[in-house]
PDB file of N, CA and C in Angstrom:
ATOM      1  N   MET A   1       8.741  39.527  -5.123  1.00  0.00           N
ATOM      2  CA  MET A   1       6.983  38.781  -4.823  1.00  0.00           C
ATOM      3  C   MET A   1       6.855  37.962  -6.037  1.00  0.00           C
ATOM      4  N   ASP A   2       7.044  38.212  -7.054  1.00  0.00           N
ATOM      5  CA  ASP A   2       6.559  37.306  -8.365  1.00  0.00           C
ATOM      6  C   ASP A   2       7.384  35.650  -8.326  1.00  0.00           C
ATOM      7  N   GLN A   3       8.607  36.012  -7.846  1.00  0.00           N
ATOM      8  CA  GLN A   3       9.514  34.435  -7.845  1.00  0.00           C
ATOM      9  C   GLN A   3       8.350  33.610  -6.927  1.00  0.00           C
ATOM     10  N   LEU A   4       8.389  34.160  -5.446  1.00  0.00           N
ATOM     11  CA  LEU A   4       7.389  33.627  -4.416  1.00  0.00           C
ATOM     12  C   LEU A   4       6.069  32.886  -5.152  1.00  0.00           C
ATOM     13  N   GLN A   5       5.124  33.784  -5.684  1.00  0.00           N
ATOM     14  CA  GLN A   5       3.952  33.368  -6.016  1.00  0.00           C
ATOM     15  C   GLN A   5       4.249  32.272  -7.565  1.00  0.00           C
ATOM     16  N   ASP A   6       5.270  32.733  -8.163  1.00  0.00           N
ATOM     17  CA  ASP A   6       6.079  31.509  -9.115  1.00  0.00           C
ATOM     18  C   ASP A   6       5.936  29.807  -8.576  1.00  0.00           C
ATOM     19  N   LYS A   7       7.087  30.230  -7.594  1.00  0.00           N
ATOM     20  CA  LYS A   7       7.339  28.978  -6.722  1.00  0.00           C
ATOM     21  C   LYS A   7       5.880  28.394  -6.370  1.00  0.00           C
ATOM     22  N   ARG A   8       5.181  28.790  -5.782  1.00  0.00           N
ATOM     23  CA  ARG A   8       3.956  28.062  -5.031  1.00  0.00           C
ATOM     24  C   ARG A   8       3.082  27.559  -5.877  1.00  0.00           C
ATOM     25  N   ARG A   9       3.041  28.527  -7.106  1.00  0.00           N
ATOM     26  CA  ARG A   9       2.413  27.641  -8.231  1.00  0.00           C
ATOM     27  C   ARG A   9       2.783  26.582  -8.981  1.00  0.00           C
ATOM     28  N   SER A  10       4.085  26.607  -8.845  1.00  0.00           N
ATOM     29  CA  SER A  10       4.693  25.336  -9.256  1.00  0.00           C
ATOM     30  C   SER A  10       4.553  24.287  -8.468  1.00  0.00           C
ATOM     31  N   ASN A  11       4.887  24.585  -7.046  1.00  0.00           N
ATOM     32  CA  ASN A  11       4.389  23.380  -5.896  1.00  0.00           C
ATOM     33  C   ASN A  11       2.978  22.858  -6.022  1.00  0.00           C
ATOM     34  N   CYS A  12       2.066  23.734  -6.570  1.00  0.00           N
ATOM     35  CA  CYS A  12       0.824  23.470  -6.249  1.00  0.00           C
ATOM     36  C   CYS A  12       0.325  22.420  -7.496  1.00  0.00           C
ATOM     37  N   THR A  13       0.771  22.931  -8.662  1.00  0.00           N
ATOM     38  CA  THR A  13       0.930  22.161  -9.888  1.00  0.00           C
ATOM     39  C   THR A  13       1.451  20.598  -9.631  1.00  0.00           C
ATOM     40  N   VAL A  14       2.144  20.447  -9.044  1.00  0.00           N
ATOM     41  CA  VAL A  14       3.738  18.902  -9.002  1.00  0.00           C
ATOM     42  C   VAL A  14       2.425  17.943  -7.807  1.00  0.00           C
ATOM     43  N   HIS A  15       1.764  19.329  -6.981  1.00  0.00           N
ATOM     44  CA  HIS A  15       1.329  18.441  -6.009  1.00  0.00           C
ATOM     45  C   HIS A  15      -0.193  17.395  -6.614  1.00  0.00           C
ATOM     46  N   GLN A  16      -0.919  18.718  -7.339  1.00  0.00           N
ATOM     47  CA  GLN A  16      -2.278  18.353  -8.173  1.00  0.00           C
ATOM     48  C   GLN A  16      -1.653  17.086  -9.203  1.00  0.00           C
ATOM     49  N   LYS A  17      -0.235  16.730  -9.964  1.00  0.00           N
ATOM     50  CA  LYS A  17      -0.144  16.109 -10.719  1.00  0.00           C
ATOM     51  C   LYS A  17      -0.035  14.443  -9.976  1.00  0.00           C
ATOM     52  N   GLU A  18       0.496  14.940  -8.547  1.00  0.00           N
ATOM     53  CA  GLU A  18       1.188  14.047  -7.589  1.00  0.00           C
ATOM     54  C   GLU A  18      -0.073  13.168  -7.319  1.00  0.00           C
ATOM     55  N   TRP A  19      -1.287  14.052  -6.858  1.00  0.00           N
ATOM     56  CA  TRP A  19      -2.505  13.865  -6.622  1.00  0.00           C
ATOM     57  C   TRP A  19      -3.434  12.666  -7.638  1.00  0.00           C
ATOM     58  N   LEU A  20      -3.600  13.497  -8.540  1.00  0.00           N
ATOM     59  CA  LEU A  20      -4.239  12.667  -9.622  1.00  0.00           C
ATOM     60  C   LEU A  20      -3.332  11.399 -10.504  1.00  0.00           C
ATOM     61  N   VAL A  21      -1.814  11.590 -10.369  1.00  0.00           N
ATOM     62  CA  VAL A  21      -1.349  10.560 -11.215  1.00  0.00           C
ATOM     63  C   VAL A  21      -0.669   9.399 -10.094  1.00  0.00           C
ATOM     64  N   GLY A  22      -0.180   9.876  -9.255  1.00  0.00           N
ATOM     65  CA  GLY A  22       0.582   9.097  -8.310  1.00  0.00           C
ATOM     66  C   GLY A  22      -0.183   8.412  -7.214  1.00  0.00           C
ATOM     67  N   LYS A  23      -1.419   8.146  -7.161  1.00  0.00           N
ATOM     68  CA  LYS A  23      -2.743   7.652  -6.349  1.00  0.00           C
ATOM     69  C   LYS A  23      -2.609   8.024  -4.518  1.00  0.00           C
ATOM     70  N   HIS A  24      -1.261   8.394  -4.280  1.00  0.00           N
ATOM     71  CA  HIS A  24      -1.136   8.753  -2.947  1.00  0.00           C
ATOM     72  C   HIS A  24      -1.453   7.473  -1.981  1.00  0.00           C
ATOM     73  N   GLY A  25      -1.125   6.412  -2.572  1.00  0.00           N
ATOM     74  CA  GLY A  25      -1.560   5.188  -1.514  1.00  0.00           C
ATOM     75  C   GLY A  25      -2.567   4.456  -1.728  1.00  0.00           C
ATOM     76  N   ARG A  26      -3.325   4.988  -2.969  1.00  0.00           N
ATOM     77  CA  ARG A  26      -4.926   4.452  -3.150  1.00  0.00           C
ATOM     78  C   ARG A  26      -4.618   3.107  -3.568  1.00  0.00           C
ATOM     79  N   LYS A  27      -5.418   2.145  -3.647  1.00  0.00           N
ATOM     80  CA  LYS A  27      -5.340   1.311  -4.790  1.00  0.00           C
ATOM     81  C   LYS A  27      -6.697   0.799  -5.600  1.00  0.00           C
ATOM     82  N   SER A  28      -6.584   0.345  -6.431  1.00  0.00           N
ATOM     83  CA  SER A  28      -7.547  -0.377  -6.995  1.00  0.00           C
ATOM     84  C   SER A  28      -8.559  -0.815  -6.424  1.00  0.00           C
ATOM     85  N   ALA A  29     -10.312  -0.993  -6.977  1.00  0.00           N
ATOM     86  CA  ALA A  29     -10.863  -1.700  -6.406  1.00  0.00           C
ATOM     87  C   ALA A  29     -10.971  -3.525  -6.284  1.00  0.00           C
ATOM     88  N   ASN A  30      -9.779  -3.772  -7.291  1.00  0.00           N
ATOM     89  CA  ASN A  30      -9.644  -5.220  -6.715  1.00  0.00           C
ATOM     90  C   ASN A  30      -8.396  -5.489  -5.664  1.00  0.00           C
ATOM     91  N   GLU A  31      -7.896  -4.415  -5.410  1.00  0.00           N
ATOM     92  CA  GLU A  31      -7.047  -4.697  -4.391  1.00  0.00           C
ATOM     93  C   GLU A  31      -7.404  -4.571  -2.967  1.00  0.00           C
ATOM     94  N   CYS A  32      -9.116  -4.738  -2.873  1.00  0.00           N
ATOM     95  CA  CYS A  32      -9.442  -4.462  -1.317  1.00  0.00           C
ATOM     96  C   CYS A  32      -8.950  -6.148  -0.647  1.00  0.00           C
ATOM     97  N   VAL A  33      -8.588  -5.824   0.568  1.00  0.00           N
ATOM     98  CA  VAL A  33      -8.156  -6.946   1.430  1.00  0.00           C
ATOM     99  C   VAL A  33      -9.648  -7.448   2.393  1.00  0.00           C
ATOM    100  N   LYS A  34     -10.612  -6.320   2.382  1.00  0.00           N
ATOM    101  CA  LYS A  34     -11.776  -6.679   2.978  1.00  0.00           C
ATOM    102  C   LYS A  34     -11.691  -6.757   4.504  1.00  0.00           C
ATOM    103  N   CYS A  35     -10.264  -5.829   4.863  1.00  0.00           N
ATOM    104  CA  CYS A  35     -10.965  -5.635   6.060  1.00  0.00           C
ATOM    105  C   CYS A  35     -11.540  -5.356   6.955  1.00  0.00           C
ATOM    106  N   GLY A  36     -12.678  -4.373   6.279  1.00  0.00           N
ATOM    107  CA  GLY A  36     -13.792  -3.868   6.855  1.00  0.00           C
ATOM    108  C   GLY A  36     -13.812  -2.211   7.677  1.00  0.00           C
ATOM    109  N   LYS A  37     -12.342  -1.721   7.750  1.00  0.00           N
ATOM    110  CA  LYS A  37     -12.058  -0.413   8.076  1.00  0.00           C
ATOM    111  C   LYS A  37     -12.762   0.230   7.565  1.00  0.00           C
ATOM    112  N   CYS A  38     -12.742   0.347   6.415  1.00  0.00           N
ATOM    113  CA  CYS A  38     -13.777   1.636   5.828  1.00  0.00           C
ATOM    114  C   CYS A  38     -15.244   1.916   6.263  1.00  0.00           C
ATOM    115  N   GLU A  39     -15.604   0.860   6.624  1.00  0.00           N
ATOM    116  CA  GLU A  39     -16.985   0.381   6.958  1.00  0.00           C
ATOM    117  C   GLU A  39     -17.663   0.854   8.148  1.00  0.00           C
ATOM    118  N   GLU A  40     -16.034  -0.002   9.013  1.00  0.00           N
ATOM    119  CA  GLU A  40     -16.434   1.069  10.052  1.00  0.00           C
ATOM    120  C   GLU A  40     -16.828   2.180  10.351  1.00  0.00           C
ATOM    121  N   VAL A  41     -15.548   2.966   9.891  1.00  0.00           N
ATOM    122  CA  VAL A  41     -16.173   4.722  10.084  1.00  0.00           C
ATOM    123  C   VAL A  41     -16.658   5.169   8.910  1.00  0.00           C
ATOM    124  N   CYS A  42     -17.451   4.339   8.165  1.00  0.00           N
ATOM    125  CA  CYS A  42     -18.495   4.953   6.767  1.00  0.00           C
ATOM    126  C   CYS A  42     -19.698   6.168   7.665  1.00  0.00           C
ATOM    127  N   PRO A  43     -19.918   7.205   7.543  1.00  0.00           N
ATOM    128  CA  PRO A  43     -20.758   7.842   8.282  1.00  0.00           C
ATOM    129  C   PRO A  43     -22.208   7.248   7.719  1.00  0.00           C
ATOM    130  N   GLN A  44     -22.393   6.995   5.951  1.00  0.00           N
ATOM    131  CA  GLN A  44     -23.673   6.685   5.537  1.00  0.00           C
ATOM    132  C   GLN A  44     -23.654   4.953   5.948  1.00  0.00           C
ATOM    133  N   HIS A  45     -22.914   4.447   6.639  1.00  0.00           N
ATOM    134  CA  HIS A  45     -23.278   2.653   6.404  1.00  0.00           C
ATOM    135  C   HIS A  45     -23.313   2.137   5.192  1.00  0.00           C
ATOM    136  N   ILE A  46     -22.086   2.529   4.210  1.00  0.00           N
ATOM    137  CA  ILE A  46     -22.260   1.738   2.833  1.00  0.00           C
ATOM    138  C   ILE A  46     -21.570   0.469   2.913  1.00  0.00           C
ATOM    139  N   LYS A  47     -21.834  -0.555   2.597  1.00  0.00           N
ATOM    140  CA  LYS A  47     -21.310  -1.990   2.540  1.00  0.00           C
ATOM    141  C   LYS A  47     -20.442  -1.688   1.646  1.00  0.00           C
ATOM    142  N   ILE A  48     -19.002  -1.172   1.750  1.00  0.00           N
ATOM    143  CA  ILE A  48     -17.910  -0.641   1.103  1.00  0.00           C
ATOM    144  C   ILE A  48     -17.369  -2.019   0.281  1.00  0.00           C
ATOM    145  N   ARG A  49     -16.906  -2.831   1.077  1.00  0.00           N
ATOM    146  CA  ARG A  49     -16.754  -3.958   0.397  1.00  0.00           C
ATOM    147  C   ARG A  49     -17.236  -4.687  -0.769  1.00  0.00           C
ATOM    148  N   ASP A  50     -18.770  -4.695  -0.425  1.00  0.00           N
ATOM    149  CA  ASP A  50     -19.345  -5.278  -1.335  1.00  0.00           C
ATOM    150  C   ASP A  50     -19.256  -4.441  -2.357  1.00  0.00           C
ATOM    151  N   GLU A  51     -19.329  -3.245  -2.348  1.00  0.00           N
ATOM    152  CA  GLU A  51     -19.389  -2.289  -3.234  1.00  0.00           C
ATOM    153  C   GLU A  51     -17.918  -2.265  -4.281  1.00  0.00           C
ATOM    154  N   LEU A  52     -16.814  -2.306  -3.818  1.00  0.00           N
ATOM    155  CA  LEU A  52     -15.709  -2.494  -4.266  1.00  0.00           C
ATOM    156  C   LEU A  52     -15.535  -3.605  -5.397  1.00  0.00           C
ATOM    157  N   GLU A  53     -16.318  -4.859  -4.857  1.00  0.00           N
ATOM    158  CA  GLU A  53     -16.297  -6.205  -5.372  1.00  0.00           C
ATOM    159  C   GLU A  53     -17.388  -6.236  -6.281  1.00  0.00           C
ATOM    160  N   LYS A  54     -18.320  -5.475  -6.942  1.00  0.00           N
ATOM    161  CA  LYS A  54     -19.104  -5.113  -7.779  1.00  0.00           C
ATOM    162  C   LYS A  54     -18.345  -4.505  -8.562  1.00  0.00           C
ATOM    163  N   VAL A  55     -17.854  -3.076  -8.147  1.00  0.00           N
ATOM    164  CA  VAL A  55     -17.201  -2.269  -9.351  1.00  0.00           C
ATOM    165  C   VAL A  55     -15.856  -2.883  -9.327  1.00  0.00           C
ATOM    166  N   ALA A  56     -15.002  -3.889  -9.439  1.00  0.00           N
ATOM    167  CA  ALA A  56     -13.966  -4.677  -9.803  1.00  0.00           C
ATOM    168  C   ALA A  56     -14.627  -5.803 -10.554  1.00  0.00           C
ATOM    169  N   ALA A  57     -15.632  -6.173 -10.646  1.00  0.00           N
ATOM    170  CA  ALA A  57     -16.559  -7.182 -11.622  1.00  0.00           C
ATOM    171  C   ALA A  57     -16.808  -6.563 -12.575  1.00  0.00           C
ATOM    172  N   GLU A  58     -17.335  -5.395 -12.538  1.00  0.00           N
ATOM    173  CA  GLU A  58     -17.615  -4.755 -13.413  1.00  0.00           C
ATOM    174  C   GLU A  58     -16.787  -4.032 -14.643  1.00  0.00           C
ATOM    175  N   LEU A  59     -15.812  -3.285 -13.584  1.00  0.00           N
ATOM    176  CA  LEU A  59     -14.486  -2.868 -14.991  1.00  0.00           C
ATOM    177  C   LEU A  59     -13.333  -3.649 -15.516  1.00  0.00           C
ATOM    178  N   LEU A  60     -12.824  -5.043 -14.260  1.00  0.00           N
ATOM    179  CA  LEU A  60     -11.920  -5.644 -14.369  1.00  0.00           C
ATOM    180  C   LEU A  60     -12.679  -6.886 -15.285  1.00  0.00           C
ATOM    181  N   GLY A  61     -13.876  -7.107 -15.183  1.00  0.00           N
ATOM    182  CA  GLY A  61     -14.801  -8.345 -15.719  1.00  0.00           C
ATOM    183  C   GLY A  61     -14.238  -9.513 -14.924  1.00  0.00           C
TER     184      GLY A  61
END
């Protein structure tokens, strides 16, 4: 049973690394194509495209 738990822990560690480092398809703020799909589904009605533009300008100059 200990080997199974070790394997699960190992898989969890790998998954966390991929999540944090691998981006899982995420992009930087400056890579937004301004399609608006995110704003269509945002329950807080945030102007995400505008906010990403501000973030990109602030962080990337």
